[in-house]
Amino acid sequence: MVKELVIYPDDRILSCTDVRDFKDESLPRLLQDMKDTMEANSLEALAAIQIAHPFNIVIIKKDGEYLEFINPRILKKEGIIENKEKTAYYPDIELTVPRYEKISIIYEDREGNQHSMKIEDRWLSTTLQRKIDYLFGGTPLDKVNKDYREQVLEALAGKGLVPQSLDVCPTFSRKDYITSFTDKILFFMGLSLITPIFAKFFHWTTTTISKIYTFDKIAFPSVIVLMIIYFIYAQYEAKKYKQCSSCQIGNQIGIIVKRVAVALAFAVGAWLWVNPQGLL
């Protein structure tokens, strides 16, 4: 039976699970529905989630033969290439996506038997990779850089394909409050490093300097705690906003490392220059 394709911005594409029961009579029916849908839409490949069945199944039509991959996993990858590809999820859009030229996989057939395969055919390799993206909660747009992603989303918007909610990418994130507060702490930590100049000019007492140094001792672990909270919340957003590059872990780690490094430098500076035991 021909099924309706899941089209962007329908976010049902982002949730899949492995097939566990190979004796269930619904499995052969699902495989046939996928093939019928492929024929009706002239598709060369289809993931089950693309017809709203959240199972890790991919079917690829090659040389007139249907290849069924159930619960596929990529074990080995070789050779990065730039691949031009289309997918039914993003109608009439051609993407240039980095892919591996060759892959080795394991998968199961409809009887539950496990198989392994080394795929050196470039088309089959890249097509299977594209479909496996969907099985693990992603889309081909997750493989490209931010600027290119925004261009594609604008093109889709021009076709009237616009998300009905903010679940694609928020313009402002609550985690920005965390970074803003952290930056204020870092500002005052940096400002405290000129304490030796003010201490001599205004004849500050040891008590005043000790209070400033106490702030530095509290501020450094506070930055660490805030960055931990930031990372935990950012992981929540990364799962919710799949299309948002600022939600991805590489961006998060960069933000965290930069602020922790600055806080550490300021803490060392405070110990060397603000510590009243060494200053007076």
C-alpha atoms as a PDB file:
ATOM      1  CA  MET A   1       0.000   0.000   0.000  1.00  0.00           C
ATOM      2  CA  VAL A   2       1.288   3.467  -0.937  1.00  0.00           C
ATOM      3  CA  LYS A   3       1.872   5.645   2.119  1.00  0.00           C
ATOM      4  CA  GLU A   4       2.114   9.411   2.466  1.00  0.00           C
ATOM      5  CA  LEU A   5       5.663  10.730   2.659  1.00  0.00           C
ATOM      6  CA  VAL A   6       6.808  12.713   5.687  1.00  0.00           C
ATOM      7  CA  ILE A   7       7.872  16.110   4.328  1.00  0.00           C
ATOM      8  CA  TYR A   8       9.788  18.936   6.032  1.00  0.00           C
ATOM      9  CA  PRO A   9       9.005  20.527   8.472  1.00  0.00           C
ATOM     10  CA  ASP A  10       7.211  17.461   9.892  1.00  0.00           C
ATOM     11  CA  ASP A  11       9.452  16.502  12.835  1.00  0.00           C
ATOM     12  CA  ARG A  12       8.275  12.888  13.004  1.00  0.00           C
ATOM     13  CA  ILE A  13      11.413  12.241  10.968  1.00  0.00           C
ATOM     14  CA  LEU A  14      13.482  12.606  14.144  1.00  0.00           C
ATOM     15  CA  SER A  15      12.496   9.505  16.127  1.00  0.00           C
ATOM     16  CA  CYS A  16      13.391   5.865  15.379  1.00  0.00           C
ATOM     17  CA  THR A  17      13.948   2.557  17.135  1.00  0.00           C
ATOM     18  CA  ASP A  18      15.423  -0.823  16.211  1.00  0.00           C
ATOM     19  CA  VAL A  19      13.276  -3.683  14.927  1.00  0.00           C
ATOM     20  CA  ARG A  20      13.167  -6.358  17.627  1.00  0.00           C
ATOM     21  CA  ASP A  21      10.343  -8.689  16.669  1.00  0.00           C
ATOM     22  CA  PHE A  22      11.105 -10.280  13.305  1.00  0.00           C
ATOM     23  CA  LYS A  23       8.172 -12.691  13.597  1.00  0.00           C
ATOM     24  CA  ASP A  24       5.625  -9.886  13.688  1.00  0.00           C
ATOM     25  CA  GLU A  25       3.440 -10.109  10.578  1.00  0.00           C
ATOM     26  CA  SER A  26       3.468  -6.320  10.284  1.00  0.00           C
ATOM     27  CA  LEU A  27       7.158  -6.310   9.261  1.00  0.00           C
ATOM     28  CA  PRO A  28       6.641  -7.826   5.773  1.00  0.00           C
ATOM     29  CA  ARG A  29       3.672  -5.502   5.259  1.00  0.00           C
ATOM     30  CA  LEU A  30       5.779  -2.490   6.193  1.00  0.00           C
ATOM     31  CA  LEU A  31       8.550  -3.555   3.810  1.00  0.00           C
ATOM     32  CA  GLN A  32       6.008  -3.922   1.015  1.00  0.00           C
ATOM     33  CA  ASP A  33       4.426  -0.550   1.836  1.00  0.00           C
ATOM     34  CA  MET A  34       7.868   1.029   1.568  1.00  0.00           C
ATOM     35  CA  LYS A  35       8.425  -0.532  -1.859  1.00  0.00           C
ATOM     36  CA  ASP A  36       4.982   0.505  -3.058  1.00  0.00           C
ATOM     37  CA  THR A  37       5.645   4.064  -1.891  1.00  0.00           C
ATOM     38  CA  MET A  38       9.014   4.088  -3.638  1.00  0.00           C
ATOM     39  CA  GLU A  39       7.434   2.984  -6.899  1.00  0.00           C
ATOM     40  CA  ALA A  40       4.606   5.501  -6.651  1.00  0.00           C
ATOM     41  CA  ASN A  41       7.028   8.379  -6.007  1.00  0.00           C
ATOM     42  CA  SER A  42       9.881   7.189  -8.272  1.00  0.00           C
ATOM     43  CA  LEU A  43      12.272   6.961  -5.313  1.00  0.00           C
ATOM     44  CA  GLU A  44      15.516   5.002  -5.313  1.00  0.00           C
ATOM     45  CA  ALA A  45      15.719   4.773  -1.527  1.00  0.00           C
ATOM     46  CA  LEU A  46      13.466   5.155   1.480  1.00  0.00           C
ATOM     47  CA  ALA A  47      13.725   4.933   5.268  1.00  0.00           C
ATOM     48  CA  ALA A  48      10.711   3.624   7.170  1.00  0.00           C
ATOM     49  CA  ILE A  49      10.538   6.852   9.187  1.00  0.00           C
ATOM     50  CA  GLN A  50       9.883   8.699   5.914  1.00  0.00           C
ATOM     51  CA  ILE A  51       6.420   7.129   5.879  1.00  0.00           C
ATOM     52  CA  ALA A  52       6.005   7.748   9.630  1.00  0.00           C
ATOM     53  CA  HIS A  53       6.981   4.256  10.796  1.00  0.00           C
ATOM     54  CA  PRO A  54       9.678   4.842  13.443  1.00  0.00           C
ATOM     55  CA  PHE A  55      11.810   1.771  12.766  1.00  0.00           C
ATOM     56  CA  ASN A  56      15.425   1.464  11.671  1.00  0.00           C
ATOM     57  CA  ILE A  57      14.721   0.141   8.183  1.00  0.00           C
ATOM     58  CA  VAL A  58      16.146   1.289   4.864  1.00  0.00           C
ATOM     59  CA  ILE A  59      15.257  -0.012   1.399  1.00  0.00           C
ATOM     60  CA  ILE A  60      17.368   0.881  -1.623  1.00  0.00           C
ATOM     61  CA  LYS A  61      16.516  -0.001  -5.222  1.00  0.00           C
ATOM     62  CA  LYS A  62      19.620  -0.802  -7.254  1.00  0.00           C
ATOM     63  CA  ASP A  63      19.655  -2.392 -10.717  1.00  0.00           C
ATOM     64  CA  GLY A  64      15.987  -3.251 -10.356  1.00  0.00           C
ATOM     65  CA  GLU A  65      16.531  -5.137  -7.094  1.00  0.00           C
ATOM     66  CA  TYR A  66      15.307  -4.036  -3.679  1.00  0.00           C
ATOM     67  CA  LEU A  67      17.977  -4.186  -0.976  1.00  0.00           C
ATOM     68  CA  GLU A  68      16.572  -4.366   2.545  1.00  0.00           C
ATOM     69  CA  PHE A  69      18.665  -3.118   5.467  1.00  0.00           C
ATOM     70  CA  ILE A  70      17.146  -3.601   8.903  1.00  0.00           C
ATOM     71  CA  ASN A  71      18.903  -2.071  11.947  1.00  0.00           C
ATOM     72  CA  PRO A  72      21.956  -1.042   9.871  1.00  0.00           C
ATOM     73  CA  ARG A  73      25.102   0.214  11.606  1.00  0.00           C
ATOM     74  CA  ILE A  74      28.199   1.700  10.002  1.00  0.00           C
ATOM     75  CA  LEU A  75      31.359   0.073  11.343  1.00  0.00           C
ATOM     76  CA  LYS A  76      34.064   1.557   9.131  1.00  0.00           C
ATOM     77  CA  LYS A  77      34.327   4.652   6.929  1.00  0.00           C
ATOM     78  CA  GLU A  78      36.849   5.563   4.235  1.00  0.00           C
ATOM     79  CA  GLY A  79      37.498   8.662   2.132  1.00  0.00           C
ATOM     80  CA  ILE A  80      35.638  11.978   2.547  1.00  0.00           C
ATOM     81  CA  ILE A  81      33.864  13.254  -0.587  1.00  0.00           C
ATOM     82  CA  GLU A  82      31.406  16.052  -1.402  1.00  0.00           C
ATOM     83  CA  ASN A  83      28.194  14.426  -2.603  1.00  0.00           C
ATOM     84  CA  LYS A  84      25.292  16.102  -4.420  1.00  0.00           C
ATOM     85  CA  GLU A  85      22.058  14.510  -3.294  1.00  0.00           C
ATOM     86  CA  LYS A  86      18.297  14.896  -3.085  1.00  0.00           C
ATOM     87  CA  THR A  87      15.863  13.545  -0.547  1.00  0.00           C
ATOM     88  CA  ALA A  88      12.078  13.420  -0.475  1.00  0.00           C
ATOM     89  CA  TYR A  89      12.075  15.047   2.962  1.00  0.00           C
ATOM     90  CA  TYR A  90      13.320  18.325   1.397  1.00  0.00           C
ATOM     91  CA  PRO A  91      11.303  18.512  -1.854  1.00  0.00           C
ATOM     92  CA  ASP A  92      13.066  19.808  -4.983  1.00  0.00           C
ATOM     93  CA  ILE A  93      16.224  20.733  -3.074  1.00  0.00           C
ATOM     94  CA  GLU A  94      19.693  19.505  -4.034  1.00  0.00           C
ATOM     95  CA  LEU A  95      22.240  19.410  -1.226  1.00  0.00           C
ATOM     96  CA  THR A  96      26.007  19.124  -1.243  1.00  0.00           C
ATOM     97  CA  VAL A  97      26.854  16.973   1.743  1.00  0.00           C
ATOM     98  CA  PRO A  98      30.172  15.534   2.982  1.00  0.00           C
ATOM     99  CA  ARG A  99      30.001  11.733   2.841  1.00  0.00           C
ATOM    100  CA  TYR A 100      32.295   8.740   3.055  1.00  0.00           C
ATOM    101  CA  GLU A 101      33.189   7.126  -0.250  1.00  0.00           C
ATOM    102  CA  LYS A 102      33.334   3.609   1.187  1.00  0.00           C
ATOM    103  CA  ILE A 103      31.707   2.111   4.262  1.00  0.00           C
ATOM    104  CA  SER A 104      31.458  -1.239   6.023  1.00  0.00           C
ATOM    105  CA  ILE A 105      28.152  -2.079   7.701  1.00  0.00           C
ATOM    106  CA  ILE A 106      26.304  -4.724   9.642  1.00  0.00           C
ATOM    107  CA  TYR A 107      22.542  -5.152   9.299  1.00  0.00           C
ATOM    108  CA  GLU A 108      19.767  -7.715   9.620  1.00  0.00           C
ATOM    109  CA  ASP A 109      17.421  -9.163   7.029  1.00  0.00           C
ATOM    110  CA  ARG A 110      13.670  -9.635   7.431  1.00  0.00           C
ATOM    111  CA  GLU A 111      14.249 -12.972   9.140  1.00  0.00           C
ATOM    112  CA  GLY A 112      16.520 -11.400  11.760  1.00  0.00           C
ATOM    113  CA  ASN A 113      19.727 -12.890  10.358  1.00  0.00           C
ATOM    114  CA  GLN A 114      22.763 -10.649  10.712  1.00  0.00           C
ATOM    115  CA  HIS A 115      24.926  -9.762   7.733  1.00  0.00           C
ATOM    116  CA  SER A 116      28.002  -7.647   7.086  1.00  0.00           C
ATOM    117  CA  MET A 117      28.848  -5.806   3.889  1.00  0.00           C
ATOM    118  CA  LYS A 118      31.693  -3.678   2.600  1.00  0.00           C
ATOM    119  CA  ILE A 119      30.251  -1.108   0.209  1.00  0.00           C
ATOM    120  CA  GLU A 120      32.696   0.339  -2.298  1.00  0.00           C
ATOM    121  CA  ASP A 121      30.080   1.498  -4.806  1.00  0.00           C
ATOM    122  CA  ARG A 122      29.954   5.271  -4.277  1.00  0.00           C
ATOM    123  CA  TRP A 123      26.256   5.685  -5.080  1.00  0.00           C
ATOM    124  CA  LEU A 124      25.151   2.869  -2.794  1.00  0.00           C
ATOM    125  CA  SER A 125      27.471   4.034  -0.030  1.00  0.00           C
ATOM    126  CA  THR A 126      26.304   7.655  -0.041  1.00  0.00           C
ATOM    127  CA  THR A 127      22.640   6.716  -0.492  1.00  0.00           C
ATOM    128  CA  LEU A 128      22.719   4.397   2.492  1.00  0.00           C
ATOM    129  CA  GLN A 129      24.492   7.030   4.593  1.00  0.00           C
ATOM    130  CA  ARG A 130      21.791   9.550   3.702  1.00  0.00           C
ATOM    131  CA  LYS A 131      19.054   7.204   4.870  1.00  0.00           C
ATOM    132  CA  ILE A 132      20.924   6.170   8.014  1.00  0.00           C
ATOM    133  CA  ASP A 133      20.952   9.865   8.982  1.00  0.00           C
ATOM    134  CA  TYR A 134      17.196   9.608   9.490  1.00  0.00           C
ATOM    135  CA  LEU A 135      17.491   6.481  11.617  1.00  0.00           C
ATOM    136  CA  PHE A 136      19.531   8.293  14.243  1.00  0.00           C
ATOM    137  CA  GLY A 137      17.469  11.429  14.641  1.00  0.00           C
ATOM    138  CA  GLY A 138      19.146  13.561  12.000  1.00  0.00           C
ATOM    139  CA  THR A 139      18.735  14.804   8.456  1.00  0.00           C
ATOM    140  CA  PRO A 140      21.264  15.649   5.719  1.00  0.00           C
ATOM    141  CA  LEU A 141      21.160  19.302   6.845  1.00  0.00           C
ATOM    142  CA  ASP A 142      22.870  18.253  10.090  1.00  0.00           C
ATOM    143  CA  LYS A 143      25.952  17.414   8.006  1.00  0.00           C
ATOM    144  CA  VAL A 144      26.499  20.882   6.517  1.00  0.00           C
ATOM    145  CA  ASN A 145      27.754  24.205   7.891  1.00  0.00           C
ATOM    146  CA  LYS A 146      25.528  26.913   9.338  1.00  0.00           C
ATOM    147  CA  ASP A 147      25.590  29.307   6.365  1.00  0.00           C
ATOM    148  CA  TYR A 148      24.713  26.577   3.876  1.00  0.00           C
ATOM    149  CA  ARG A 149      21.978  25.263   6.176  1.00  0.00           C
ATOM    150  CA  GLU A 150      20.400  28.716   6.391  1.00  0.00           C
ATOM    151  CA  GLN A 151      20.444  29.025   2.597  1.00  0.00           C
ATOM    152  CA  VAL A 152      18.607  25.709   2.266  1.00  0.00           C
ATOM    153  CA  LEU A 153      16.048  26.648   4.935  1.00  0.00           C
ATOM    154  CA  GLU A 154      15.428  29.954   3.151  1.00  0.00           C
ATOM    155  CA  ALA A 155      14.907  28.085  -0.112  1.00  0.00           C
ATOM    156  CA  LEU A 156      12.415  25.780   1.602  1.00  0.00           C
ATOM    157  CA  ALA A 157      10.646  28.774   3.125  1.00  0.00           C
ATOM    158  CA  GLY A 158      10.357  30.195  -0.385  1.00  0.00           C
ATOM    159  CA  LYS A 159       8.410  27.046  -1.290  1.00  0.00           C
ATOM    160  CA  GLY A 160       6.060  27.649   1.621  1.00  0.00           C
ATOM    161  CA  LEU A 161       7.704  24.977   3.797  1.00  0.00           C
ATOM    162  CA  VAL A 162       8.039  26.768   7.115  1.00  0.00           C
ATOM    163  CA  PRO A 163       7.971  25.185  10.606  1.00  0.00           C
ATOM    164  CA  GLN A 164       4.809  25.923  12.540  1.00  0.00           C
ATOM    165  CA  SER A 165       6.731  26.283  15.804  1.00  0.00           C
ATOM    166  CA  LEU A 166      10.139  27.344  17.070  1.00  0.00           C
ATOM    167  CA  ASP A 167      11.321  23.750  17.274  1.00  0.00           C
ATOM    168  CA  VAL A 168      13.687  24.241  14.352  1.00  0.00           C
ATOM    169  CA  CYS A 169      15.952  26.929  15.794  1.00  0.00           C
ATOM    170  CA  PRO A 170      15.299  29.552  18.485  1.00  0.00           C
ATOM    171  CA  THR A 171      16.466  33.107  17.852  1.00  0.00           C
ATOM    172  CA  PHE A 172      17.259  33.401  21.567  1.00  0.00           C
ATOM    173  CA  SER A 173      18.098  30.587  23.936  1.00  0.00           C
ATOM    174  CA  ARG A 174      17.724  30.505  27.711  1.00  0.00           C
ATOM    175  CA  LYS A 175      21.291  29.257  27.866  1.00  0.00           C
ATOM    176  CA  ASP A 176      22.314  32.728  26.682  1.00  0.00           C
ATOM    177  CA  TYR A 177      21.344  33.979  30.143  1.00  0.00           C
ATOM    178  CA  ILE A 178      23.932  31.611  31.589  1.00  0.00           C
ATOM    179  CA  THR A 179      26.715  32.827  29.303  1.00  0.00           C
ATOM    180  CA  SER A 180      25.734  36.466  29.924  1.00  0.00           C
ATOM    181  CA  PHE A 181      25.924  36.025  33.710  1.00  0.00           C
ATOM    182  CA  THR A 182      29.201  34.127  33.373  1.00  0.00           C
ATOM    183  CA  ASP A 183      30.675  36.938  31.281  1.00  0.00           C
ATOM    184  CA  LYS A 184      29.765  39.456  33.980  1.00  0.00           C
ATOM    185  CA  ILE A 185      31.594  37.371  36.576  1.00  0.00           C
ATOM    186  CA  LEU A 186      34.622  37.156  34.271  1.00  0.00           C
ATOM    187  CA  PHE A 187      34.542  40.926  33.790  1.00  0.00           C
ATOM    188  CA  PHE A 188      34.789  41.549  37.523  1.00  0.00           C
ATOM    189  CA  MET A 189      37.456  38.859  37.890  1.00  0.00           C
ATOM    190  CA  GLY A 190      39.507  40.658  35.262  1.00  0.00           C
ATOM    191  CA  LEU A 191      38.851  44.008  36.905  1.00  0.00           C
ATOM    192  CA  SER A 192      40.104  42.669  40.233  1.00  0.00           C
ATOM    193  CA  LEU A 193      43.558  42.150  38.725  1.00  0.00           C
ATOM    194  CA  ILE A 194      44.242  45.888  38.916  1.00  0.00           C
ATOM    195  CA  THR A 195      43.802  45.730  42.693  1.00  0.00           C
ATOM    196  CA  PRO A 196      47.579  46.246  43.316  1.00  0.00           C
ATOM    197  CA  ILE A 197      47.419  49.616  41.547  1.00  0.00           C
ATOM    198  CA  PHE A 198      44.397  50.845  43.489  1.00  0.00           C
ATOM    199  CA  ALA A 199      45.706  49.392  46.754  1.00  0.00           C
ATOM    200  CA  LYS A 200      48.864  51.488  46.588  1.00  0.00           C
ATOM    201  CA  PHE A 201      47.166  54.614  45.235  1.00  0.00           C
ATOM    202  CA  PHE A 202      44.267  54.647  47.729  1.00  0.00           C
ATOM    203  CA  HIS A 203      46.125  52.921  50.603  1.00  0.00           C
ATOM    204  CA  TRP A 204      43.623  50.085  50.869  1.00  0.00           C
ATOM    205  CA  THR A 205      43.746  47.954  53.991  1.00  0.00           C
ATOM    206  CA  THR A 206      44.386  44.211  54.044  1.00  0.00           C
ATOM    207  CA  THR A 207      40.698  43.689  54.862  1.00  0.00           C
ATOM    208  CA  THR A 208      39.570  45.407  51.648  1.00  0.00           C
ATOM    209  CA  ILE A 209      42.033  43.428  49.553  1.00  0.00           C
ATOM    210  CA  SER A 210      40.980  40.189  51.264  1.00  0.00           C
ATOM    211  CA  LYS A 211      37.352  40.825  50.296  1.00  0.00           C
ATOM    212  CA  ILE A 212      38.336  41.268  46.659  1.00  0.00           C
ATOM    213  CA  TYR A 213      40.437  38.118  46.754  1.00  0.00           C
ATOM    214  CA  THR A 214      37.549  36.231  48.399  1.00  0.00           C
ATOM    215  CA  PHE A 215      35.374  37.234  45.453  1.00  0.00           C
ATOM    216  CA  ASP A 216      37.969  35.768  43.062  1.00  0.00           C
ATOM    217  CA  LYS A 217      38.102  32.517  45.043  1.00  0.00           C
ATOM    218  CA  ILE A 218      34.310  32.201  44.844  1.00  0.00           C
ATOM    219  CA  ALA A 219      34.033  33.409  41.254  1.00  0.00           C
ATOM    220  CA  PHE A 220      36.268  30.747  39.700  1.00  0.00           C
ATOM    221  CA  PRO A 221      34.292  27.685  40.909  1.00  0.00           C
ATOM    222  CA  SER A 222      31.094  29.599  40.140  1.00  0.00           C
ATOM    223  CA  VAL A 223      32.133  29.839  36.502  1.00  0.00           C
ATOM    224  CA  ILE A 224      32.811  26.072  36.456  1.00  0.00           C
ATOM    225  CA  VAL A 225      29.362  25.346  37.919  1.00  0.00           C
ATOM    226  CA  LEU A 226      27.648  27.706  35.478  1.00  0.00           C
ATOM    227  CA  MET A 227      29.380  26.057  32.527  1.00  0.00           C
ATOM    228  CA  ILE A 228      28.254  22.621  33.744  1.00  0.00           C
ATOM    229  CA  ILE A 229      24.675  23.914  33.949  1.00  0.00           C
ATOM    230  CA  TYR A 230      25.108  25.465  30.501  1.00  0.00           C
ATOM    231  CA  PHE A 231      26.261  22.154  29.017  1.00  0.00           C
ATOM    232  CA  ILE A 232      23.386  20.181  30.557  1.00  0.00           C
ATOM    233  CA  TYR A 233      20.790  22.656  29.296  1.00  0.00           C
ATOM    234  CA  ALA A 234      22.486  22.891  25.898  1.00  0.00           C
ATOM    235  CA  GLN A 235      22.204  19.114  25.513  1.00  0.00           C
ATOM    236  CA  TYR A 236      18.478  19.406  26.108  1.00  0.00           C
ATOM    237  CA  GLU A 237      18.225  22.058  23.388  1.00  0.00           C
ATOM    238  CA  ALA A 238      20.413  20.026  21.015  1.00  0.00           C
ATOM    239  CA  LYS A 239      17.845  17.229  21.139  1.00  0.00           C
ATOM    240  CA  LYS A 240      14.936  19.609  20.687  1.00  0.00           C
ATOM    241  CA  TYR A 241      16.322  21.892  17.976  1.00  0.00           C
ATOM    242  CA  LYS A 242      17.853  19.528  15.431  1.00  0.00           C
ATOM    243  CA  GLN A 243      18.334  22.156  12.733  1.00  0.00           C
ATOM    244  CA  CYS A 244      20.117  24.698  14.942  1.00  0.00           C
ATOM    245  CA  SER A 245      23.889  24.840  14.546  1.00  0.00           C
ATOM    246  CA  SER A 246      24.319  26.867  17.759  1.00  0.00           C
ATOM    247  CA  CYS A 247      22.743  23.946  19.625  1.00  0.00           C
ATOM    248  CA  GLN A 248      25.347  21.448  18.435  1.00  0.00           C
ATOM    249  CA  ILE A 249      28.030  20.089  20.730  1.00  0.00           C
ATOM    250  CA  GLY A 250      31.029  21.545  18.870  1.00  0.00           C
ATOM    251  CA  ASN A 251      29.702  25.060  19.402  1.00  0.00           C
ATOM    252  CA  GLN A 252      28.883  24.303  23.046  1.00  0.00           C
ATOM    253  CA  ILE A 253      32.357  22.980  23.830  1.00  0.00           C
ATOM    254  CA  GLY A 254      33.963  26.053  22.258  1.00  0.00           C
ATOM    255  CA  ILE A 255      31.890  28.365  24.466  1.00  0.00           C
ATOM    256  CA  ILE A 256      32.679  26.353  27.602  1.00  0.00           C
ATOM    257  CA  VAL A 257      36.416  25.957  26.967  1.00  0.00           C
ATOM    258  CA  LYS A 258      36.888  29.651  26.208  1.00  0.00           C
ATOM    259  CA  ARG A 259      35.210  30.831  29.405  1.00  0.00           C
ATOM    260  CA  VAL A 260      36.817  28.245  31.659  1.00  0.00           C
ATOM    261  CA  ALA A 261      40.246  29.120  30.222  1.00  0.00           C
ATOM    262  CA  VAL A 262      39.684  32.841  30.867  1.00  0.00           C
ATOM    263  CA  ALA A 263      38.423  32.130  34.397  1.00  0.00           C
ATOM    264  CA  LEU A 264      41.493  29.982  35.100  1.00  0.00           C
ATOM    265  CA  ALA A 265      43.826  32.704  33.832  1.00  0.00           C
ATOM    266  CA  PHE A 266      42.100  35.310  35.998  1.00  0.00           C
ATOM    267  CA  ALA A 267      42.170  32.972  39.033  1.00  0.00           C
ATOM    268  CA  VAL A 268      45.920  32.412  38.642  1.00  0.00           C
ATOM    269  CA  GLY A 269      46.420  36.160  38.209  1.00  0.00           C
ATOM    270  CA  ALA A 270      44.411  36.841  41.366  1.00  0.00           C
ATOM    271  CA  TRP A 271      46.501  34.337  43.322  1.00  0.00           C
ATOM    272  CA  LEU A 272      49.717  35.999  42.123  1.00  0.00           C
ATOM    273  CA  TRP A 273      48.690  39.665  42.336  1.00  0.00           C
ATOM    274  CA  VAL A 274      45.557  40.060  44.479  1.00  0.00           C
ATOM    275  CA  ASN A 275      46.301  37.536  47.256  1.00  0.00           C
ATOM    276  CA  PRO A 276      46.876  39.814  50.293  1.00  0.00           C
ATOM    277  CA  GLN A 277      49.572  37.511  51.629  1.00  0.00           C
ATOM    278  CA  GLY A 278      51.705  38.308  48.610  1.00  0.00           C
ATOM    279  CA  LEU A 279      50.537  41.845  47.945  1.00  0.00           C
ATOM    280  CA  LEU A 280      51.244  43.570  51.265  1.00  0.00           C
END
